[in-house]
Amino acid sequence: MFRWFLRRKLAAEEKKLDASMDYLRHILDVSPGAFFRFASIMPFANSLNKLP
């Protein structure tokens, strides 16, 4: 059930960004723990700070 929810969220992001999320689906299928570790760093990866 939880994987189903995550797959739906990935599909929504894929549609919104118009980019393939196959690699994340593969990580989720193979190792949910690795998926959550990867997802935990995404807020840091999304920060866009300008250099002074």
PDB file of N, CA and C in Angstrom:
ATOM      1  N   MET A   1       0.830  -1.190   0.000  1.00  0.00           N
ATOM      2  CA  MET A   1       0.000   0.000   0.000  1.00  0.00           C
ATOM      3  C   MET A   1       0.878   1.260   0.000  1.00  0.00           C
ATOM      4  N   PHE A   2       1.926   1.239   0.816  1.00  0.00           N
ATOM      5  CA  PHE A   2       2.793   2.410   0.894  1.00  0.00           C
ATOM      6  C   PHE A   2       3.559   2.611  -0.410  1.00  0.00           C
ATOM      7  N   ARG A   3       4.005   1.525  -1.019  1.00  0.00           N
ATOM      8  CA  ARG A   3       4.697   1.635  -2.315  1.00  0.00           C
ATOM      9  C   ARG A   3       3.747   2.181  -3.372  1.00  0.00           C
ATOM     10  N   TRP A   4       2.490   1.779  -3.298  1.00  0.00           N
ATOM     11  CA  TRP A   4       1.489   2.264  -4.248  1.00  0.00           C
ATOM     12  C   TRP A   4       1.375   3.791  -4.137  1.00  0.00           C
ATOM     13  N   PHE A   5       1.318   4.281  -2.905  1.00  0.00           N
ATOM     14  CA  PHE A   5       1.224   5.723  -2.684  1.00  0.00           C
ATOM     15  C   PHE A   5       2.459   6.441  -3.233  1.00  0.00           C
ATOM     16  N   LEU A   6       3.636   5.903  -2.952  1.00  0.00           N
ATOM     17  CA  LEU A   6       4.870   6.528  -3.434  1.00  0.00           C
ATOM     18  C   LEU A   6       4.954   6.497  -4.956  1.00  0.00           C
ATOM     19  N   ARG A   7       4.503   5.408  -5.565  1.00  0.00           N
ATOM     20  CA  ARG A   7       4.504   5.337  -7.033  1.00  0.00           C
ATOM     21  C   ARG A   7       3.575   6.392  -7.623  1.00  0.00           C
ATOM     22  N   ARG A   8       2.429   6.634  -6.980  1.00  0.00           N
ATOM     23  CA  ARG A   8       1.512   7.679  -7.456  1.00  0.00           C
ATOM     24  C   ARG A   8       2.137   9.061  -7.344  1.00  0.00           C
ATOM     25  N   LYS A   9       2.848   9.314  -6.230  1.00  0.00           N
ATOM     26  CA  LYS A   9       3.525  10.601  -6.062  1.00  0.00           C
ATOM     27  C   LYS A   9       4.624  10.775  -7.108  1.00  0.00           C
ATOM     28  N   LEU A  10       5.362   9.695  -7.392  1.00  0.00           N
ATOM     29  CA  LEU A  10       6.395   9.770  -8.426  1.00  0.00           C
ATOM     30  C   LEU A  10       5.773  10.055  -9.787  1.00  0.00           C
ATOM     31  N   ALA A  11       4.637   9.423 -10.080  1.00  0.00           N
ATOM     32  CA  ALA A  11       3.961   9.656 -11.360  1.00  0.00           C
ATOM     33  C   ALA A  11       3.501  11.108 -11.471  1.00  0.00           C
ATOM     34  N   ALA A  12       3.013  11.670 -10.384  1.00  0.00           N
ATOM     35  CA  ALA A  12       2.574  13.069 -10.398  1.00  0.00           C
ATOM     36  C   ALA A  12       3.756  14.008 -10.627  1.00  0.00           C
ATOM     37  N   GLU A  13       4.870  13.745  -9.959  1.00  0.00           N
ATOM     38  CA  GLU A  13       6.063  14.575 -10.151  1.00  0.00           C
ATOM     39  C   GLU A  13       6.604  14.428 -11.568  1.00  0.00           C
ATOM     40  N   GLU A  14       6.545  13.214 -12.085  1.00  0.00           N
ATOM     41  CA  GLU A  14       7.007  12.958 -13.447  1.00  0.00           C
ATOM     42  C   GLU A  14       6.194  13.782 -14.443  1.00  0.00           C
ATOM     43  N   LYS A  15       4.895  13.827 -14.215  1.00  0.00           N
ATOM     44  CA  LYS A  15       4.012  14.599 -15.091  1.00  0.00           C
ATOM     45  C   LYS A  15       4.273  16.101 -14.945  1.00  0.00           C
ATOM     46  N   LYS A  16       4.467  16.551 -13.701  1.00  0.00           N
ATOM     47  CA  LYS A  16       4.685  17.973 -13.437  1.00  0.00           C
ATOM     48  C   LYS A  16       6.012  18.451 -14.018  1.00  0.00           C
ATOM     49  N   LEU A  17       7.056  17.653 -13.858  1.00  0.00           N
ATOM     50  CA  LEU A  17       8.392  18.048 -14.311  1.00  0.00           C
ATOM     51  C   LEU A  17       8.685  17.650 -15.751  1.00  0.00           C
ATOM     52  N   ASP A  18       7.837  16.807 -16.310  1.00  0.00           N
ATOM     53  CA  ASP A  18       8.038  16.272 -17.655  1.00  0.00           C
ATOM     54  C   ASP A  18       9.421  15.618 -17.773  1.00  0.00           C
ATOM     55  N   ALA A  19       9.739  14.797 -16.775  1.00  0.00           N
ATOM     56  CA  ALA A  19      11.024  14.093 -16.737  1.00  0.00           C
ATOM     57  C   ALA A  19      10.792  12.668 -16.237  1.00  0.00           C
ATOM     58  N   SER A  20      11.611  11.761 -16.696  1.00  0.00           N
ATOM     59  CA  SER A  20      11.482  10.359 -16.312  1.00  0.00           C
ATOM     60  C   SER A  20      11.918  10.139 -14.867  1.00  0.00           C
ATOM     61  N   MET A  21      11.136   9.386 -14.137  1.00  0.00           N
ATOM     62  CA  MET A  21      11.465   9.018 -12.757  1.00  0.00           C
ATOM     63  C   MET A  21      11.693   7.509 -12.644  1.00  0.00           C
ATOM     64  N   ASP A  22      12.076   6.885 -13.750  1.00  0.00           N
ATOM     65  CA  ASP A  22      12.285   5.437 -13.751  1.00  0.00           C
ATOM     66  C   ASP A  22      13.361   5.009 -12.762  1.00  0.00           C
ATOM     67  N   TYR A  23      14.406   5.803 -12.635  1.00  0.00           N
ATOM     68  CA  TYR A  23      15.485   5.442 -11.711  1.00  0.00           C
ATOM     69  C   TYR A  23      14.984   5.423 -10.269  1.00  0.00           C
ATOM     70  N   LEU A  24      14.097   6.340  -9.907  1.00  0.00           N
ATOM     71  CA  LEU A  24      13.556   6.344  -8.551  1.00  0.00           C
ATOM     72  C   LEU A  24      12.600   5.181  -8.329  1.00  0.00           C
ATOM     73  N   ARG A  25      11.817   4.835  -9.354  1.00  0.00           N
ATOM     74  CA  ARG A  25      10.949   3.661  -9.245  1.00  0.00           C
ATOM     75  C   ARG A  25      11.777   2.397  -9.041  1.00  0.00           C
ATOM     76  N   HIS A  26      12.895   2.306  -9.750  1.00  0.00           N
ATOM     77  CA  HIS A  26      13.771   1.145  -9.613  1.00  0.00           C
ATOM     78  C   HIS A  26      14.352   1.076  -8.196  1.00  0.00           C
ATOM     79  N   ILE A  27      14.819   2.205  -7.683  1.00  0.00           N
ATOM     80  CA  ILE A  27      15.357   2.233  -6.319  1.00  0.00           C
ATOM     81  C   ILE A  27      14.275   1.829  -5.318  1.00  0.00           C
ATOM     82  N   LEU A  28      13.063   2.315  -5.501  1.00  0.00           N
ATOM     83  CA  LEU A  28      11.956   1.975  -4.609  1.00  0.00           C
ATOM     84  C   LEU A  28      11.657   0.484  -4.649  1.00  0.00           C
ATOM     85  N   ASP A  29      11.678  -0.109  -5.839  1.00  0.00           N
ATOM     86  CA  ASP A  29      11.392  -1.542  -5.964  1.00  0.00           C
ATOM     87  C   ASP A  29      12.489  -2.407  -5.360  1.00  0.00           C
ATOM     88  N   VAL A  30      13.739  -2.010  -5.559  1.00  0.00           N
ATOM     89  CA  VAL A  30      14.866  -2.825  -5.105  1.00  0.00           C
ATOM     90  C   VAL A  30      15.119  -2.646  -3.609  1.00  0.00           C
ATOM     91  N   SER A  31      15.120  -1.391  -3.145  1.00  0.00           N
ATOM     92  CA  SER A  31      15.459  -1.130  -1.742  1.00  0.00           C
ATOM     93  C   SER A  31      14.715   0.104  -1.238  1.00  0.00           C
ATOM     94  N   PRO A  32      13.586  -0.094  -0.572  1.00  0.00           N
ATOM     95  CA  PRO A  32      12.863   1.059  -0.030  1.00  0.00           C
ATOM     96  C   PRO A  32      13.711   1.888   0.939  1.00  0.00           C
ATOM     97  N   GLY A  33      14.598   1.242   1.677  1.00  0.00           N
ATOM     98  CA  GLY A  33      15.478   1.979   2.590  1.00  0.00           C
ATOM     99  C   GLY A  33      16.378   2.942   1.850  1.00  0.00           C
ATOM    100  N   ALA A  34      16.925   2.488   0.725  1.00  0.00           N
ATOM    101  CA  ALA A  34      17.776   3.359  -0.090  1.00  0.00           C
ATOM    102  C   ALA A  34      16.958   4.506  -0.680  1.00  0.00           C
ATOM    103  N   PHE A  35      15.718   4.226  -1.058  1.00  0.00           N
ATOM    104  CA  PHE A  35      14.844   5.270  -1.586  1.00  0.00           C
ATOM    105  C   PHE A  35      14.637   6.368  -0.545  1.00  0.00           C
ATOM    106  N   PHE A  36      14.374   5.978   0.704  1.00  0.00           N
ATOM    107  CA  PHE A  36      14.146   6.972   1.750  1.00  0.00           C
ATOM    108  C   PHE A  36      15.421   7.724   2.097  1.00  0.00           C
ATOM    109  N   ARG A  37      16.565   7.061   2.038  1.00  0.00           N
ATOM    110  CA  ARG A  37      17.831   7.765   2.267  1.00  0.00           C
ATOM    111  C   ARG A  37      18.063   8.796   1.170  1.00  0.00           C
ATOM    112  N   PHE A  38      17.777   8.412  -0.074  1.00  0.00           N
ATOM    113  CA  PHE A  38      17.921   9.340  -1.196  1.00  0.00           C
ATOM    114  C   PHE A  38      16.937  10.505  -1.046  1.00  0.00           C
ATOM    115  N   ALA A  39      15.702  10.191  -0.688  1.00  0.00           N
ATOM    116  CA  ALA A  39      14.678  11.229  -0.550  1.00  0.00           C
ATOM    117  C   ALA A  39      15.000  12.186   0.595  1.00  0.00           C
ATOM    118  N   SER A  40      15.718  11.712   1.604  1.00  0.00           N
ATOM    119  CA  SER A  40      16.014  12.572   2.750  1.00  0.00           C
ATOM    120  C   SER A  40      17.004  13.686   2.408  1.00  0.00           C
ATOM    121  N   ILE A  41      17.801  13.526   1.354  1.00  0.00           N
ATOM    122  CA  ILE A  41      18.747  14.586   0.976  1.00  0.00           C
ATOM    123  C   ILE A  41      18.170  15.545  -0.060  1.00  0.00           C
ATOM    124  N   MET A  42      17.011  15.248  -0.600  1.00  0.00           N
ATOM    125  CA  MET A  42      16.439  16.083  -1.649  1.00  0.00           C
ATOM    126  C   MET A  42      16.172  17.525  -1.221  1.00  0.00           C
ATOM    127  N   PRO A  43      15.744  17.816   0.007  1.00  0.00           N
ATOM    128  CA  PRO A  43      15.581  19.230   0.378  1.00  0.00           C
ATOM    129  C   PRO A  43      16.887  20.018   0.261  1.00  0.00           C
ATOM    130  N   PHE A  44      18.009  19.377   0.545  1.00  0.00           N
ATOM    131  CA  PHE A  44      19.296  20.057   0.412  1.00  0.00           C
ATOM    132  C   PHE A  44      19.670  20.238  -1.054  1.00  0.00           C
ATOM    133  N   ALA A  45      19.321  19.276  -1.877  1.00  0.00           N
ATOM    134  CA  ALA A  45      19.649  19.344  -3.299  1.00  0.00           C
ATOM    135  C   ALA A  45      18.803  20.392  -4.020  1.00  0.00           C
ATOM    136  N   ASN A  46      17.634  20.682  -3.498  1.00  0.00           N
ATOM    137  CA  ASN A  46      16.734  21.633  -4.148  1.00  0.00           C
ATOM    138  C   ASN A  46      16.991  23.081  -3.754  1.00  0.00           C
ATOM    139  N   SER A  47      17.893  23.322  -2.815  1.00  0.00           N
ATOM    140  CA  SER A  47      18.143  24.704  -2.404  1.00  0.00           C
ATOM    141  C   SER A  47      18.992  25.405  -3.461  1.00  0.00           C
ATOM    142  N   LEU A  48      18.571  26.583  -3.818  1.00  0.00           N
ATOM    143  CA  LEU A  48      19.270  27.362  -4.837  1.00  0.00           C
ATOM    144  C   LEU A  48      19.741  28.672  -4.217  1.00  0.00           C
ATOM    145  N   ASN A  49      20.915  28.658  -3.680  1.00  0.00           N
ATOM    146  CA  ASN A  49      21.482  29.869  -3.090  1.00  0.00           C
ATOM    147  C   ASN A  49      22.474  30.486  -4.064  1.00  0.00           C
ATOM    148  N   LYS A  50      22.435  31.803  -4.155  1.00  0.00           N
ATOM    149  CA  LYS A  50      23.367  32.505  -5.030  1.00  0.00           C
ATOM    150  C   LYS A  50      24.635  32.829  -4.265  1.00  0.00           C
ATOM    151  N   LEU A  51      25.714  32.774  -4.964  1.00  0.00           N
ATOM    152  CA  LEU A  51      26.985  33.150  -4.352  1.00  0.00           C
ATOM    153  C   LEU A  51      27.081  34.666  -4.271  1.00  0.00           C
ATOM    154  N   PRO A  52      27.755  35.184  -3.249  1.00  0.00           N
ATOM    155  CA  PRO A  52      27.862  36.647  -3.126  1.00  0.00           C
ATOM    156  C   PRO A  52      28.743  37.236  -4.212  1.00  0.00           C
TER     157      PRO A  52
END
